[in-house]
Protein backbone atom coordinates (compact mmCIF):
# COMPACT_ATOMS: atom_id res chain seq x y z
CA MET A 1 0.00 0.00 0.00
CA PRO A 2 1.26 3.53 -0.72
CA ARG A 3 2.41 5.59 2.24
CA HIS A 4 0.62 8.86 2.91
CA THR A 5 2.67 11.53 4.71
CA ALA A 6 1.35 14.81 6.00
CA ARG A 7 3.12 17.76 4.45
CA SER A 8 3.79 20.56 6.92
CA ARG A 9 2.68 24.00 5.76
CA PRO A 10 5.27 26.80 5.60
CA VAL A 11 5.74 29.24 8.47
CA ASP A 12 3.46 32.25 8.03
CA ILE A 13 5.25 35.62 8.00
CA VAL A 14 2.92 38.06 9.74
CA THR A 15 2.78 41.72 10.78
CA VAL A 16 2.21 43.42 14.11
CA GLU A 17 -1.43 44.05 13.16
CA GLN A 18 -1.99 40.29 13.15
CA LEU A 19 -0.78 39.61 16.69
CA HIS A 20 -4.33 39.17 17.97
CA GLU A 21 -4.90 36.21 15.62
CA PHE A 22 -2.64 33.81 17.56
CA ASP A 23 -3.25 31.57 20.56
CA ASP A 24 0.17 32.25 22.09
CA ILE A 25 2.95 34.71 21.36
CA ILE A 26 6.42 33.27 22.04
CA ASP A 27 9.38 35.58 22.59
CA VAL A 28 12.57 33.57 22.01
CA ARG A 29 14.95 36.38 22.99
CA SER A 30 17.02 36.11 26.17
CA GLU A 31 15.47 36.70 29.56
CA GLY A 32 17.24 40.07 29.80
CA GLU A 33 15.81 41.30 26.50
CA PHE A 34 12.37 40.06 27.51
CA ALA A 35 12.51 41.83 30.89
CA GLU A 36 13.21 45.19 29.28
CA ASP A 37 10.22 44.97 26.94
CA HIS A 38 8.05 42.47 25.11
CA VAL A 39 4.69 42.09 23.46
CA PRO A 40 2.14 42.17 26.31
CA GLY A 41 0.98 38.64 27.07
CA ALA A 42 3.98 36.98 25.39
CA ILE A 43 5.73 34.04 27.05
CA ASN A 44 9.51 33.91 27.21
CA CYS A 45 11.17 30.77 25.80
CA PRO A 46 14.77 31.83 25.12
CA VAL A 47 16.61 29.81 22.51
CA LEU A 48 19.76 31.43 23.89
CA THR A 49 19.94 32.65 27.49
CA ASN A 50 21.80 35.76 28.61
CA GLU A 51 24.88 33.74 29.49
CA GLU A 52 24.74 31.66 26.30
CA ARG A 53 24.46 34.74 24.10
CA ALA A 54 27.55 36.15 25.79
CA ARG A 55 29.48 32.90 25.23
CA VAL A 56 28.54 32.71 21.56
CA GLY A 57 29.33 36.39 21.06
CA THR A 58 32.76 36.02 22.60
CA ILE A 59 33.63 33.09 20.30
CA TYR A 60 32.25 35.03 17.31
CA ARG A 61 34.59 37.96 18.04
CA GLN A 62 37.66 36.13 19.32
CA VAL A 63 37.69 32.77 17.48
CA SER A 64 35.57 32.47 14.32
CA VAL A 65 32.07 32.84 12.95
CA PHE A 66 32.01 29.12 12.13
CA ASP A 67 32.83 28.03 15.69
CA ALA A 68 30.30 30.48 17.09
CA LYS A 69 27.59 29.08 14.81
CA LYS A 70 28.40 25.51 15.85
CA LEU A 71 28.09 26.28 19.52
CA GLY A 72 25.01 28.45 18.95
CA ALA A 73 23.26 25.71 17.01
CA ALA A 74 23.93 23.16 19.75
CA LEU A 75 22.63 25.49 22.45
CA VAL A 76 19.55 26.47 20.42
CA ALA A 77 18.69 22.84 19.73
CA ALA A 78 19.00 21.92 23.40
CA ASN A 79 16.85 24.85 24.49
CA ILE A 80 14.17 24.13 21.91
CA ALA A 81 14.01 20.51 23.12
CA ARG A 82 13.61 21.72 26.69
CA HIS A 83 10.84 24.17 25.76
CA LEU A 84 8.97 21.44 23.88
CA GLN A 85 9.07 19.24 26.98
CA GLU A 86 8.20 21.97 29.46
CA HIS A 87 5.76 24.20 27.56
CA PHE A 88 4.35 22.74 24.38
CA LEU A 89 3.71 18.99 24.65
CA ALA A 90 0.20 19.53 26.00
CA ARG A 91 -0.82 21.91 23.20
CA PRO A 92 -3.57 20.54 20.91
CA ARG A 93 -3.17 19.94 17.19
CA ASN A 94 -5.02 23.15 16.32
CA TRP A 95 -2.75 25.34 18.48
CA HIS A 96 -1.76 28.49 16.56
CA PRO A 97 1.45 30.09 17.94
CA LEU A 98 3.45 33.13 16.86
CA VAL A 99 7.22 33.30 17.37
CA TYR A 100 9.44 36.39 17.35
CA CYS A 101 13.01 37.38 18.17
CA TRP A 102 15.01 40.60 17.84
CA ARG A 103 14.85 41.09 14.04
CA GLY A 104 12.79 38.11 12.92
CA GLY A 105 15.87 36.12 11.93
CA GLY A 106 17.66 32.99 13.06
CA ARG A 107 16.43 32.61 16.62
CA SER A 108 12.72 32.78 15.79
CA SER A 109 13.19 30.81 12.56
CA ALA A 110 14.70 27.89 14.47
CA LEU A 111 11.77 27.43 16.85
CA ALA A 112 9.14 28.26 14.23
CA HIS A 113 10.60 25.60 11.92
CA VAL A 114 10.42 22.90 14.60
CA LEU A 115 6.87 23.81 15.59
CA THR A 116 5.80 23.76 11.95
CA GLN A 117 7.45 20.41 11.31
CA ILE A 118 5.52 18.96 14.24
CA GLY A 119 2.33 20.09 12.53
CA TRP A 120 1.32 23.30 14.27
CA HIS A 121 0.23 26.24 12.14
CA THR A 122 2.96 28.69 13.18
CA GLY A 123 3.55 32.35 12.46
CA ARG A 124 6.75 34.36 12.62
CA LEU A 125 6.72 38.13 13.16
CA GLU A 126 8.22 39.97 10.21
CA GLY A 127 11.03 42.17 11.47
CA GLY A 128 10.75 40.72 14.98
CA TYR A 129 10.75 42.87 18.08
CA LYS A 130 12.21 45.83 16.15
CA SER A 131 9.15 46.04 13.91
CA TYR A 132 6.90 45.68 16.97
CA ARG A 133 8.73 48.52 18.73
CA HIS A 134 8.34 50.77 15.69
CA ALA A 135 4.60 50.00 15.69
CA VAL A 136 4.37 50.97 19.37
CA ILE A 137 6.17 54.28 18.79
CA ASP A 138 4.00 55.13 15.78
CA GLY A 139 0.84 54.01 17.56
CA LEU A 140 1.49 56.10 20.65
CA GLN A 141 1.96 59.11 18.42
CA ALA A 142 -1.31 58.62 16.52
CA LEU A 143 -3.77 56.84 18.83
CA PRO A 144 -4.41 59.44 21.60
CA ALA A 145 -5.95 61.94 19.16
CA ARG A 146 -8.69 59.45 18.26
CA PHE A 147 -10.38 59.47 21.65
CA ASP A 148 -12.81 61.68 23.56
CA TRP A 149 -10.89 62.13 26.81
CA ARG A 150 -12.77 62.81 30.05
CA VAL A 151 -10.25 63.83 32.68
CA ILE A 152 -10.92 63.14 36.36
CA CYS A 153 -9.48 66.09 38.31
CA GLY A 154 -9.39 66.70 42.04
CA MET A 155 -7.07 67.20 44.97
CA THR A 156 -4.96 64.34 46.30
CA GLY A 157 -7.11 61.99 48.34
CA THR A 158 -10.40 62.59 46.55
CA GLY A 159 -10.42 58.99 45.35
CA LYS A 160 -9.64 59.49 41.67
CA SER A 161 -7.98 56.10 41.23
CA ARG A 162 -10.79 54.32 43.06
CA LEU A 163 -13.27 56.24 40.92
CA LEU A 164 -11.59 54.97 37.74
CA ARG A 165 -11.92 51.40 39.03
CA ALA A 166 -15.59 51.99 39.85
CA LEU A 167 -16.21 53.43 36.38
CA GLN A 168 -14.57 50.40 34.81
CA GLU A 169 -16.70 48.07 36.92
CA GLN A 170 -19.75 49.87 35.57
CA GLY A 171 -18.65 49.29 31.97
CA ALA A 172 -17.01 52.61 31.15
CA GLN A 173 -13.78 52.85 29.16
CA VAL A 174 -10.86 53.70 31.44
CA LEU A 175 -7.16 54.33 30.99
CA ASP A 176 -5.53 53.84 34.40
CA LEU A 177 -2.04 55.23 33.88
CA GLU A 178 -0.99 54.72 37.50
CA ALA A 179 -1.87 51.03 37.31
CA LEU A 180 0.15 50.65 34.10
CA ALA A 181 3.07 52.54 35.64
CA ALA A 182 2.88 50.70 39.00
CA HIS A 183 3.09 54.03 40.80
CA ARG A 184 0.68 56.50 42.39
CA GLY A 185 2.40 59.52 40.92
CA SER A 186 3.80 61.25 44.01
CA VAL A 187 6.85 61.17 46.27
CA LEU A 188 5.05 58.46 48.28
CA GLY A 189 3.77 56.72 45.18
CA ASN A 190 5.92 53.56 45.05
CA LEU A 191 3.81 50.42 45.34
CA PRO A 192 5.10 47.79 47.80
CA GLY A 193 6.48 44.74 46.03
CA ARG A 194 5.78 46.18 42.57
CA PRO A 195 8.76 47.84 40.88
CA GLN A 196 7.95 50.12 38.00
CA PRO A 197 8.34 48.61 34.53
CA SER A 198 10.93 49.92 32.12
CA GLN A 199 9.94 52.89 29.99
CA LYS A 200 9.60 50.64 26.95
CA MET A 201 7.47 48.10 28.83
CA PHE A 202 5.22 50.90 30.11
CA GLU A 203 4.78 52.11 26.54
CA SER A 204 3.98 48.58 25.37
CA HIS A 205 1.24 48.20 27.97
CA LEU A 206 -0.07 51.67 27.13
CA TRP A 207 -0.13 50.92 23.39
CA SER A 208 -1.92 47.64 24.01
CA ARG A 209 -4.56 49.35 26.16
CA LEU A 210 -5.12 52.16 23.65
CA LYS A 211 -5.54 49.62 20.86
CA ALA A 212 -8.34 47.97 22.86
CA LEU A 213 -10.35 51.20 23.30
CA SER A 214 -13.19 52.32 21.06
CA PRO A 215 -13.23 55.87 19.64
CA GLU A 216 -17.03 55.71 19.73
CA ARG A 217 -17.19 56.08 23.52
CA PRO A 218 -15.51 58.47 25.98
CA VAL A 219 -12.37 57.37 27.81
CA PHE A 220 -11.90 58.34 31.46
CA VAL A 221 -8.40 59.11 32.70
CA GLU A 222 -6.91 60.72 35.78
CA SER A 223 -5.25 64.15 35.52
CA GLU A 224 -1.63 62.98 35.62
CA SER A 225 1.53 64.97 35.16
CA LYS A 226 4.16 64.29 32.50
CA LYS A 227 5.91 61.80 34.77
CA ILE A 228 4.54 59.00 36.93
CA GLY A 229 7.37 58.04 39.21
CA ALA A 230 10.36 57.47 36.93
CA LEU A 231 8.25 56.97 33.79
CA ARG A 232 7.35 59.55 31.14
CA VAL A 233 3.85 59.78 29.71
CA PRO A 234 4.10 60.19 25.90
CA GLU A 235 3.75 63.81 24.78
CA SER A 236 0.96 62.92 22.35
CA LEU A 237 -1.12 61.42 25.14
CA ILE A 238 -0.53 64.12 27.70
CA GLY A 239 -1.39 66.75 25.09
CA ALA A 240 -4.65 65.00 24.23
CA MET A 241 -5.52 64.75 27.93
CA TRP A 242 -4.82 68.45 28.50
CA ALA A 243 -7.27 69.25 25.69
CA GLY A 244 -9.96 66.96 27.11
CA ARG A 245 -13.11 67.76 29.06
CA CYS A 246 -12.71 67.75 32.83
CA VAL A 247 -14.81 66.76 35.81
CA VAL A 248 -13.67 67.87 39.26
CA ILE A 249 -14.07 65.60 42.29
CA GLU A 250 -14.28 67.25 45.71
CA ALA A 251 -14.37 65.69 49.18
CA PRO A 252 -14.24 66.90 52.79
CA VAL A 253 -10.78 66.73 54.29
CA GLY A 254 -11.82 63.95 56.68
CA VAL A 255 -12.88 61.78 53.73
CA ARG A 256 -9.62 62.49 51.97
CA VAL A 257 -7.61 61.52 55.03
CA ALA A 258 -9.55 58.25 55.36
CA LEU A 259 -9.05 57.41 51.67
CA LEU A 260 -5.32 58.10 51.82
CA LYS A 261 -4.90 55.98 54.94
CA ASP A 262 -6.50 53.10 53.02
CA GLU A 263 -4.38 53.66 49.91
CA TYR A 264 -1.10 54.03 51.81
CA ALA A 265 -1.64 51.44 54.54
CA HIS A 266 1.80 49.98 53.80
CA PHE A 267 3.43 53.18 55.08
CA LEU A 268 1.40 53.05 58.27
CA ALA A 269 2.93 49.65 58.86
CA ASP A 270 6.48 50.77 57.98
CA THR A 271 7.28 54.12 59.56
CA ALA A 272 10.95 53.93 58.62
CA ALA A 273 10.12 53.62 54.91
CA LEU A 274 7.70 56.54 55.12
CA ASN A 275 10.21 58.77 56.87
CA ALA A 276 12.87 57.90 54.32
CA GLN A 277 10.53 59.15 51.59
CA LEU A 278 9.67 62.27 53.57
CA ASP A 279 13.37 63.11 53.64
CA CYS A 280 13.08 63.76 49.89
CA LEU A 281 10.87 66.78 50.68
CA ARG A 282 13.46 68.59 52.84
CA PRO A 283 14.56 70.92 49.99
CA LEU A 284 10.93 72.02 49.56
CA HIS A 285 9.77 72.35 53.15
CA GLY A 286 12.88 72.63 55.31
CA ASN A 287 14.20 70.57 58.17
CA ALA A 288 11.77 71.82 60.83
CA VAL A 289 8.65 70.76 58.90
CA ILE A 290 10.07 67.38 57.87
CA ASP A 291 11.30 66.66 61.39
CA ARG A 292 7.79 67.39 62.70
CA TRP A 293 6.16 65.14 60.09
CA GLN A 294 8.56 62.32 60.90
CA ALA A 295 7.82 62.71 64.61
CA LEU A 296 4.08 62.48 63.89
CA ALA A 297 4.72 59.29 61.92
CA ARG A 298 6.76 57.74 64.71
CA GLY A 299 3.99 58.63 67.15
CA GLY A 300 1.26 57.14 64.96
CA ALA A 301 -0.56 60.48 64.57
CA TRP A 302 -1.73 59.50 61.11
CA ASP A 303 -4.74 61.80 60.78
CA GLU A 304 -2.76 64.88 61.79
CA LEU A 305 0.18 63.94 59.55
CA THR A 306 -2.00 63.18 56.53
CA GLU A 307 -3.99 66.40 56.81
CA ASP A 308 -0.82 68.45 57.21
CA LEU A 309 0.73 66.79 54.15
CA LEU A 310 -2.38 67.60 52.15
CA VAL A 311 -2.58 71.24 53.20
CA ARG A 312 1.14 72.07 53.08
CA HIS A 313 2.40 69.90 50.22
CA TYR A 314 -0.07 68.12 47.99
CA ASP A 315 -2.81 70.72 47.55
CA PRO A 316 -0.53 73.65 46.57
CA ALA A 317 1.48 71.43 44.20
CA TYR A 318 -1.67 70.08 42.58
CA MET A 319 -3.20 73.53 42.06
CA ARG A 320 -0.03 74.89 40.47
CA ALA A 321 0.02 72.03 37.96
CA ILE A 322 -3.68 71.65 37.19
CA VAL A 323 -4.51 75.28 36.38
CA THR A 324 -1.58 75.48 33.98
CA HIS A 325 -2.37 72.40 31.93
CA TYR A 326 -6.17 72.05 31.74
CA PRO A 327 -7.78 75.11 30.11
CA ARG A 328 -11.27 73.58 30.42
CA LEU A 329 -11.01 73.20 34.18
CA PRO A 330 -12.88 76.43 35.11
CA ARG A 331 -15.98 75.22 33.19
CA ALA A 332 -15.85 71.66 34.54
CA PRO A 333 -18.74 70.21 36.55
CA ARG A 334 -17.94 69.60 40.22
CA LEU A 335 -19.12 66.50 42.06
CA THR A 336 -18.70 65.68 45.74
CA LEU A 337 -17.71 62.39 47.36
CA PRO A 338 -19.49 62.54 50.75
CA ASP A 339 -17.76 59.58 52.41
CA HIS A 340 -15.12 56.94 51.67
CA GLY A 341 -17.42 53.91 51.50
CA ASP A 342 -17.93 51.73 48.44
CA ALA A 343 -21.55 52.77 47.98
CA ALA A 344 -20.59 56.45 47.79
CA MET A 345 -17.87 55.66 45.24
CA GLN A 346 -20.26 53.67 43.05
CA ALA A 347 -22.81 56.50 43.21
CA LEU A 348 -20.10 58.99 42.24
CA ALA A 349 -19.13 56.80 39.28
CA CYS A 350 -22.75 56.84 38.09
CA ALA A 351 -22.83 60.62 38.40
CA VAL A 352 -19.56 61.06 36.49
CA ALA A 353 -20.78 58.77 33.71
CA GLY A 354 -24.01 60.73 33.57
CA GLU A 355 -22.15 64.02 33.24
CA ALA A 356 -20.10 62.54 30.40
CA ALA A 357 -23.26 61.46 28.59
CA LEU A 358 -24.61 65.03 28.80
CA GLN A 359 -21.41 66.48 27.27
CA PRO A 360 -21.00 65.50 23.61
CA ALA A 361 -17.54 64.91 22.27
CA ALA A 362 -15.67 68.08 21.33
């Protein structure tokens, strides 16, 4: 009887716009390259690790290209075998993966070839990470102008971040820049156990979120400055936000203090860390004020400390920045958060969404 053999289809060469068509996106670059930036949602399966890349590179420069290729091929083959065992054996026949490396060359071709020979319909990103990065840069330049931005303004402690979460829970479109940046945007804004991503990784997450938004509906965003911690907000986005419609959230100082104590509970449990951050404010407020604030922290006088920080530091800084950047602020509707409970926040979210519905896009 004649033998019938299945012929594997060729690897598909695809563009960045087709990323959403694949079941998994596999980044075969080293763990160091992956940590700096990658396609959001990608899994890292290096065909050469950091150390292996260095070894191959040294032989390439100091011995010969041929010897470097021999060693590289052996290492790549071993790593691909390991990834098959650890990551891919359980994948079904109809699994549809995409593979990419730095420029879409040898590293991604090696894994894509093996996956295709097994029988999986595999794609390889044309131009690799470099083409993806160019798409992110171009997208961040063009995308912000497409949206009807509704900017949540208000003094520190008025619950703007919680309001964004409540709006999202109610089905509104939200861009939470502080969540993407892993930072609350102030001198005390570091999140415990969550280092900020690299600038490139922040931009990747931002690009991915913008791509998922619809221009047909308003997008709510908090009134951020140009920097969130160590990260820069793209000029195109910050400019679009500054031109957006505003809504101002107000709250009694007692509510603001309660909200901030909830948000910054980690500092209440670690006075030394708080006081180390307060030291950064000495050039602005002088030794006497900072020494007093640190004494209040050591004594557990959290309400007094929080209110004093609001009145002396956060409120003046916020007012200087907000009036400069948001020309629509004087005409913005003003809504009040009466208490710091969940019910009040959900009611405020409904009111903000209702105000947005009454204001057509500019």
